[in-house]
Amino acid sequence: MAREAKVSKSTVQRVWSHNEIKPHRLETFKISNDPNFEEKFWDVIGLYLDPPERALVLCCDEKSQCQALERTQRPLPLKKGYGRTQTHDYIRHGTITLFAALSYLEGKIISRTEQSHTHLEWLRFLKQIDRETPKELDLHLIIDNYATHKHPAVQHWLKAHGALCRLISGAEEGGCRHSRSSELARG
């Protein structure tokens, strides 16, 4: 850059630092090719900013293959001016899947861990959400279009329990697209 601009390296460094330009850092993104993405986007934003009366909006997701690690020794006690310590070696206890549903208005999380990640585990998580949320509220789930969410057994359960879902990513149609009137009670 300095050679191209015919300035010193320190000048380039000062300009970059002053403008917080960090060309060595890389961030990735992906623009959805879903033709209905903008409509879904505003639908979700509307739920967050102005949720319906008698409704609970939950943002649901899962993280698969979380490593269950145990360090071989306890960390050293914290001291002023020193960071947290840990050993470099660990015992591996396999992997787990973490399911979570965030109620952003209350700041509460409903969570569950499972050994695997199929539609059966997702169904167990949905049933847990149903048990742990007030029955008098309509349930709005914001989810992505992961295959487990679109499984026929999941779709049947959602339809039977009247849960409204919003798919927020992906180009594929389908998923949680059940509509219901506000009078329909969760069962």
C-alpha atoms as a PDB file:
ATOM      1  CA  MET A   1       0.000   0.000   0.000  1.00  0.00           C
ATOM      2  CA  ALA A   2       2.809   2.399   0.919  1.00  0.00           C
ATOM      3  CA  ARG A   3       4.590   1.684  -2.345  1.00  0.00           C
ATOM      4  CA  GLU A   4       1.405   2.186  -4.416  1.00  0.00           C
ATOM      5  CA  ALA A   5       0.512   5.438  -2.621  1.00  0.00           C
ATOM      6  CA  LYS A   6       4.179   6.576  -2.621  1.00  0.00           C
ATOM      7  CA  VAL A   7       4.153   7.272   1.116  1.00  0.00           C
ATOM      8  CA  SER A   8       5.979   5.727   4.053  1.00  0.00           C
ATOM      9  CA  LYS A   9       4.765   2.578   5.811  1.00  0.00           C
ATOM     10  CA  SER A  10       4.310   4.591   9.018  1.00  0.00           C
ATOM     11  CA  THR A  11       1.991   7.030   7.165  1.00  0.00           C
ATOM     12  CA  VAL A  12      -0.146   4.128   5.977  1.00  0.00           C
ATOM     13  CA  GLN A  13      -0.190   2.739   9.524  1.00  0.00           C
ATOM     14  CA  ARG A  14      -1.233   6.110  11.000  1.00  0.00           C
ATOM     15  CA  VAL A  15      -4.053   6.563   8.444  1.00  0.00           C
ATOM     16  CA  TRP A  16      -5.308   3.030   9.000  1.00  0.00           C
ATOM     17  CA  SER A  17      -5.162   3.394  12.785  1.00  0.00           C
ATOM     18  CA  HIS A  18      -6.873   6.795  12.743  1.00  0.00           C
ATOM     19  CA  ASN A  19      -9.711   5.419  10.585  1.00  0.00           C
ATOM     20  CA  GLU A  20      -9.829   2.017  12.315  1.00  0.00           C
ATOM     21  CA  ILE A  21      -9.086   0.238   9.028  1.00  0.00           C
ATOM     22  CA  LYS A  22      -7.971  -3.357   9.613  1.00  0.00           C
ATOM     23  CA  PRO A  23      -7.250  -5.019   6.250  1.00  0.00           C
ATOM     24  CA  HIS A  24      -5.702  -8.041   7.976  1.00  0.00           C
ATOM     25  CA  ARG A  25      -9.060  -8.937   9.554  1.00  0.00           C
ATOM     26  CA  LEU A  26     -11.643 -10.852   7.589  1.00  0.00           C
ATOM     27  CA  GLU A  27     -15.358 -11.095   8.303  1.00  0.00           C
ATOM     28  CA  THR A  28     -17.700 -13.205   6.214  1.00  0.00           C
ATOM     29  CA  PHE A  29     -21.353 -12.792   5.324  1.00  0.00           C
ATOM     30  CA  LYS A  30     -23.917 -14.371   3.091  1.00  0.00           C
ATOM     31  CA  ILE A  31     -26.808 -12.593   1.465  1.00  0.00           C
ATOM     32  CA  SER A  32     -29.961 -14.684   1.369  1.00  0.00           C
ATOM     33  CA  ASN A  33     -31.257 -15.656  -2.056  1.00  0.00           C
ATOM     34  CA  ASP A  34     -34.753 -16.147  -0.631  1.00  0.00           C
ATOM     35  CA  PRO A  35     -37.140 -13.996  -2.720  1.00  0.00           C
ATOM     36  CA  ASN A  36     -39.272 -13.476   0.412  1.00  0.00           C
ATOM     37  CA  PHE A  37     -36.360 -12.619   2.696  1.00  0.00           C
ATOM     38  CA  GLU A  38     -37.228  -8.929   3.099  1.00  0.00           C
ATOM     39  CA  GLU A  39     -40.852  -9.746   3.961  1.00  0.00           C
ATOM     40  CA  LYS A  40     -39.671 -12.314   6.538  1.00  0.00           C
ATOM     41  CA  PHE A  41     -37.078  -9.862   7.869  1.00  0.00           C
ATOM     42  CA  TRP A  42     -39.678  -7.153   8.554  1.00  0.00           C
ATOM     43  CA  ASP A  43     -42.080  -9.739   9.959  1.00  0.00           C
ATOM     44  CA  VAL A  44     -39.473 -10.795  12.511  1.00  0.00           C
ATOM     45  CA  ILE A  45     -38.434  -7.213  13.316  1.00  0.00           C
ATOM     46  CA  GLY A  46     -42.107  -6.343  13.802  1.00  0.00           C
ATOM     47  CA  LEU A  47     -42.502  -9.211  16.265  1.00  0.00           C
ATOM     48  CA  TYR A  48     -39.551  -7.967  18.288  1.00  0.00           C
ATOM     49  CA  LEU A  49     -40.527  -4.290  18.240  1.00  0.00           C
ATOM     50  CA  ASP A  50     -44.285  -4.694  18.627  1.00  0.00           C
ATOM     51  CA  PRO A  51     -45.251  -8.208  19.741  1.00  0.00           C
ATOM     52  CA  PRO A  52     -48.936  -9.119  19.560  1.00  0.00           C
ATOM     53  CA  GLU A  53     -50.975  -8.954  22.758  1.00  0.00           C
ATOM     54  CA  ARG A  54     -51.104 -12.254  24.664  1.00  0.00           C
ATOM     55  CA  ALA A  55     -48.048 -13.515  22.775  1.00  0.00           C
ATOM     56  CA  LEU A  56     -44.631 -14.836  23.667  1.00  0.00           C
ATOM     57  CA  VAL A  57     -41.922 -14.375  21.038  1.00  0.00           C
ATOM     58  CA  LEU A  58     -39.001 -16.788  21.278  1.00  0.00           C
ATOM     59  CA  CYS A  59     -35.889 -16.813  19.126  1.00  0.00           C
ATOM     60  CA  CYS A  60     -34.927 -20.502  18.831  1.00  0.00           C
ATOM     61  CA  ASP A  61     -31.720 -22.068  17.612  1.00  0.00           C
ATOM     62  CA  GLU A  62     -29.393 -24.980  18.167  1.00  0.00           C
ATOM     63  CA  LYS A  63     -25.654 -25.482  18.218  1.00  0.00           C
ATOM     64  CA  SER A  64     -24.606 -28.987  17.347  1.00  0.00           C
ATOM     65  CA  GLN A  65     -21.335 -30.748  18.097  1.00  0.00           C
ATOM     66  CA  CYS A  66     -20.379 -28.702  21.157  1.00  0.00           C
ATOM     67  CA  GLN A  67     -17.330 -30.392  22.608  1.00  0.00           C
ATOM     68  CA  ALA A  68     -17.763 -31.536  26.183  1.00  0.00           C
ATOM     69  CA  LEU A  69     -14.262 -30.936  27.540  1.00  0.00           C
ATOM     70  CA  GLU A  70     -12.856 -31.251  31.015  1.00  0.00           C
ATOM     71  CA  ARG A  71      -9.478 -29.697  31.835  1.00  0.00           C
ATOM     72  CA  THR A  72      -7.020 -32.020  33.533  1.00  0.00           C
ATOM     73  CA  GLN A  73      -6.328 -29.521  36.344  1.00  0.00           C
ATOM     74  CA  ARG A  74      -8.275 -26.763  38.047  1.00  0.00           C
ATOM     75  CA  PRO A  75      -7.433 -23.203  36.953  1.00  0.00           C
ATOM     76  CA  LEU A  76      -5.150 -21.104  39.147  1.00  0.00           C
ATOM     77  CA  PRO A  77      -6.845 -18.548  41.412  1.00  0.00           C
ATOM     78  CA  LEU A  78      -7.543 -15.157  39.833  1.00  0.00           C
ATOM     79  CA  LYS A  79      -5.143 -12.369  40.763  1.00  0.00           C
ATOM     80  CA  LYS A  80      -5.244  -8.672  40.032  1.00  0.00           C
ATOM     81  CA  GLY A  81      -3.593  -7.937  36.704  1.00  0.00           C
ATOM     82  CA  TYR A  82      -3.570 -11.553  35.486  1.00  0.00           C
ATOM     83  CA  GLY A  83      -5.908 -13.328  33.132  1.00  0.00           C
ATOM     84  CA  ARG A  84      -7.711 -16.576  33.781  1.00  0.00           C
ATOM     85  CA  THR A  85      -5.575 -19.677  33.372  1.00  0.00           C
ATOM     86  CA  GLN A  86      -6.234 -23.180  32.147  1.00  0.00           C
ATOM     87  CA  THR A  87      -4.189 -26.209  31.243  1.00  0.00           C
ATOM     88  CA  HIS A  88      -3.483 -26.961  27.607  1.00  0.00           C
ATOM     89  CA  ASP A  89      -4.650 -30.548  27.900  1.00  0.00           C
ATOM     90  CA  TYR A  90      -8.135 -31.887  28.489  1.00  0.00           C
ATOM     91  CA  ILE A  91     -10.280 -34.989  28.605  1.00  0.00           C
ATOM     92  CA  ARG A  92     -12.830 -35.248  25.815  1.00  0.00           C
ATOM     93  CA  HIS A  93     -16.316 -36.435  26.773  1.00  0.00           C
ATOM     94  CA  GLY A  94     -17.808 -36.482  23.279  1.00  0.00           C
ATOM     95  CA  THR A  95     -20.114 -33.866  21.811  1.00  0.00           C
ATOM     96  CA  ILE A  96     -23.557 -32.553  22.643  1.00  0.00           C
ATOM     97  CA  THR A  97     -26.176 -30.404  20.948  1.00  0.00           C
ATOM     98  CA  LEU A  98     -27.413 -27.302  22.724  1.00  0.00           C
ATOM     99  CA  PHE A  99     -30.958 -26.102  22.026  1.00  0.00           C
ATOM    100  CA  ALA A 100     -31.981 -22.629  23.220  1.00  0.00           C
ATOM    101  CA  ALA A 101     -35.016 -20.342  23.050  1.00  0.00           C
ATOM    102  CA  LEU A 102     -34.532 -16.697  24.042  1.00  0.00           C
ATOM    103  CA  SER A 103     -37.351 -14.507  25.275  1.00  0.00           C
ATOM    104  CA  TYR A 104     -35.706 -11.173  24.567  1.00  0.00           C
ATOM    105  CA  LEU A 105     -38.293  -9.100  26.475  1.00  0.00           C
ATOM    106  CA  GLU A 106     -37.763 -11.042  29.688  1.00  0.00           C
ATOM    107  CA  GLY A 107     -34.121 -11.915  29.064  1.00  0.00           C
ATOM    108  CA  LYS A 108     -34.880 -15.562  29.865  1.00  0.00           C
ATOM    109  CA  ILE A 109     -33.571 -18.640  28.104  1.00  0.00           C
ATOM    110  CA  ILE A 110     -35.138 -22.081  27.850  1.00  0.00           C
ATOM    111  CA  SER A 111     -32.400 -24.578  27.074  1.00  0.00           C
ATOM    112  CA  ARG A 112     -31.771 -28.258  26.628  1.00  0.00           C
ATOM    113  CA  THR A 113     -28.823 -30.466  25.721  1.00  0.00           C
ATOM    114  CA  GLU A 114     -29.051 -33.669  23.737  1.00  0.00           C
ATOM    115  CA  GLN A 115     -26.597 -36.318  22.571  1.00  0.00           C
ATOM    116  CA  SER A 116     -27.628 -36.009  18.919  1.00  0.00           C
ATOM    117  CA  HIS A 117     -29.381 -33.581  16.604  1.00  0.00           C
ATOM    118  CA  THR A 118     -32.367 -34.980  14.741  1.00  0.00           C
ATOM    119  CA  HIS A 119     -36.023 -34.022  14.438  1.00  0.00           C
ATOM    120  CA  LEU A 120     -36.712 -36.148  17.537  1.00  0.00           C
ATOM    121  CA  GLU A 121     -34.481 -33.985  19.730  1.00  0.00           C
ATOM    122  CA  TRP A 122     -35.974 -30.824  18.210  1.00  0.00           C
ATOM    123  CA  LEU A 123     -39.460 -32.165  19.017  1.00  0.00           C
ATOM    124  CA  ARG A 124     -38.427 -32.845  22.622  1.00  0.00           C
ATOM    125  CA  PHE A 125     -37.214 -29.258  22.826  1.00  0.00           C
ATOM    126  CA  LEU A 126     -40.487 -27.907  21.382  1.00  0.00           C
ATOM    127  CA  LYS A 127     -42.432 -29.948  23.949  1.00  0.00           C
ATOM    128  CA  GLN A 128     -40.218 -28.513  26.699  1.00  0.00           C
ATOM    129  CA  ILE A 129     -40.947 -24.988  25.447  1.00  0.00           C
ATOM    130  CA  ASP A 130     -44.651 -25.807  25.478  1.00  0.00           C
ATOM    131  CA  ARG A 131     -44.447 -27.102  29.075  1.00  0.00           C
ATOM    132  CA  GLU A 132     -42.392 -24.141  30.349  1.00  0.00           C
ATOM    133  CA  THR A 133     -44.354 -21.268  28.805  1.00  0.00           C
ATOM    134  CA  PRO A 134     -47.730 -19.854  29.899  1.00  0.00           C
ATOM    135  CA  LYS A 135     -50.566 -21.611  28.085  1.00  0.00           C
ATOM    136  CA  GLU A 136     -52.636 -18.440  27.857  1.00  0.00           C
ATOM    137  CA  LEU A 137     -50.069 -16.845  25.525  1.00  0.00           C
ATOM    138  CA  ASP A 138     -49.793 -17.407  21.768  1.00  0.00           C
ATOM    139  CA  LEU A 139     -46.383 -18.793  20.967  1.00  0.00           C
ATOM    140  CA  HIS A 140     -44.323 -17.221  18.158  1.00  0.00           C
ATOM    141  CA  LEU A 141     -41.094 -19.068  17.344  1.00  0.00           C
ATOM    142  CA  ILE A 142     -38.415 -17.436  15.214  1.00  0.00           C
ATOM    143  CA  ILE A 143     -36.303 -20.179  13.662  1.00  0.00           C
ATOM    144  CA  ASP A 144     -34.055 -20.843  10.698  1.00  0.00           C
ATOM    145  CA  ASN A 145     -34.785 -23.350   7.950  1.00  0.00           C
ATOM    146  CA  TYR A 146     -32.690 -26.203   9.298  1.00  0.00           C
ATOM    147  CA  ALA A 147     -33.913 -29.591   8.055  1.00  0.00           C
ATOM    148  CA  THR A 148     -34.974 -30.793  11.515  1.00  0.00           C
ATOM    149  CA  HIS A 149     -37.440 -27.881  11.738  1.00  0.00           C
ATOM    150  CA  LYS A 150     -39.143 -28.940   8.504  1.00  0.00           C
ATOM    151  CA  HIS A 151     -39.518 -32.648   9.247  1.00  0.00           C
ATOM    152  CA  PRO A 152     -43.149 -33.836   8.785  1.00  0.00           C
ATOM    153  CA  ALA A 153     -43.399 -34.972  12.413  1.00  0.00           C
ATOM    154  CA  VAL A 154     -42.263 -31.534  13.598  1.00  0.00           C
ATOM    155  CA  GLN A 155     -44.674 -29.797  11.227  1.00  0.00           C
ATOM    156  CA  HIS A 156     -47.535 -31.997  12.456  1.00  0.00           C
ATOM    157  CA  TRP A 157     -46.757 -31.211  16.112  1.00  0.00           C
ATOM    158  CA  LEU A 158     -46.514 -27.474  15.427  1.00  0.00           C
ATOM    159  CA  LYS A 159     -49.805 -27.453  13.550  1.00  0.00           C
ATOM    160  CA  ALA A 160     -51.511 -29.500  16.290  1.00  0.00           C
ATOM    161  CA  HIS A 161     -50.216 -27.135  18.992  1.00  0.00           C
ATOM    162  CA  GLY A 162     -50.932 -23.928  17.101  1.00  0.00           C
ATOM    163  CA  ALA A 163     -47.406 -22.539  17.275  1.00  0.00           C
ATOM    164  CA  LEU A 164     -46.694 -19.714  14.845  1.00  0.00           C
ATOM    165  CA  CYS A 165     -43.208 -19.846  13.383  1.00  0.00           C
ATOM    166  CA  ARG A 166     -41.209 -17.447  11.276  1.00  0.00           C
ATOM    167  CA  LEU A 167     -38.419 -18.770   9.081  1.00  0.00           C
ATOM    168  CA  ILE A 168     -35.698 -16.171   8.965  1.00  0.00           C
ATOM    169  CA  SER A 169     -33.148 -17.529   6.512  1.00  0.00           C
ATOM    170  CA  GLY A 170     -32.665 -19.663   3.449  1.00  0.00           C
ATOM    171  CA  ALA A 171     -34.265 -19.911   0.062  1.00  0.00           C
ATOM    172  CA  GLU A 172     -36.279 -23.039   0.600  1.00  0.00           C
ATOM    173  CA  GLU A 173     -39.990 -22.795   1.033  1.00  0.00           C
ATOM    174  CA  GLY A 174     -41.783 -24.768   3.690  1.00  0.00           C
ATOM    175  CA  GLY A 175     -40.981 -24.984   7.352  1.00  0.00           C
ATOM    176  CA  CYS A 176     -43.128 -23.393  10.039  1.00  0.00           C
ATOM    177  CA  ARG A 177     -45.724 -21.510   8.066  1.00  0.00           C
ATOM    178  CA  HIS A 178     -48.903 -22.223   9.980  1.00  0.00           C
ATOM    179  CA  SER A 179     -51.341 -19.417  10.517  1.00  0.00           C
ATOM    180  CA  ARG A 180     -53.933 -19.324  13.231  1.00  0.00           C
ATOM    181  CA  SER A 181     -56.303 -16.850  14.713  1.00  0.00           C
ATOM    182  CA  SER A 182     -55.525 -15.391  18.094  1.00  0.00           C
ATOM    183  CA  GLU A 183     -58.494 -17.309  19.533  1.00  0.00           C
ATOM    184  CA  LEU A 184     -56.836 -20.688  18.905  1.00  0.00           C
ATOM    185  CA  ALA A 185     -55.446 -21.991  22.173  1.00  0.00           C
ATOM    186  CA  ARG A 186     -52.263 -23.985  22.464  1.00  0.00           C
ATOM    187  CA  GLY A 187     -53.037 -27.563  23.392  1.00  0.00           C
END
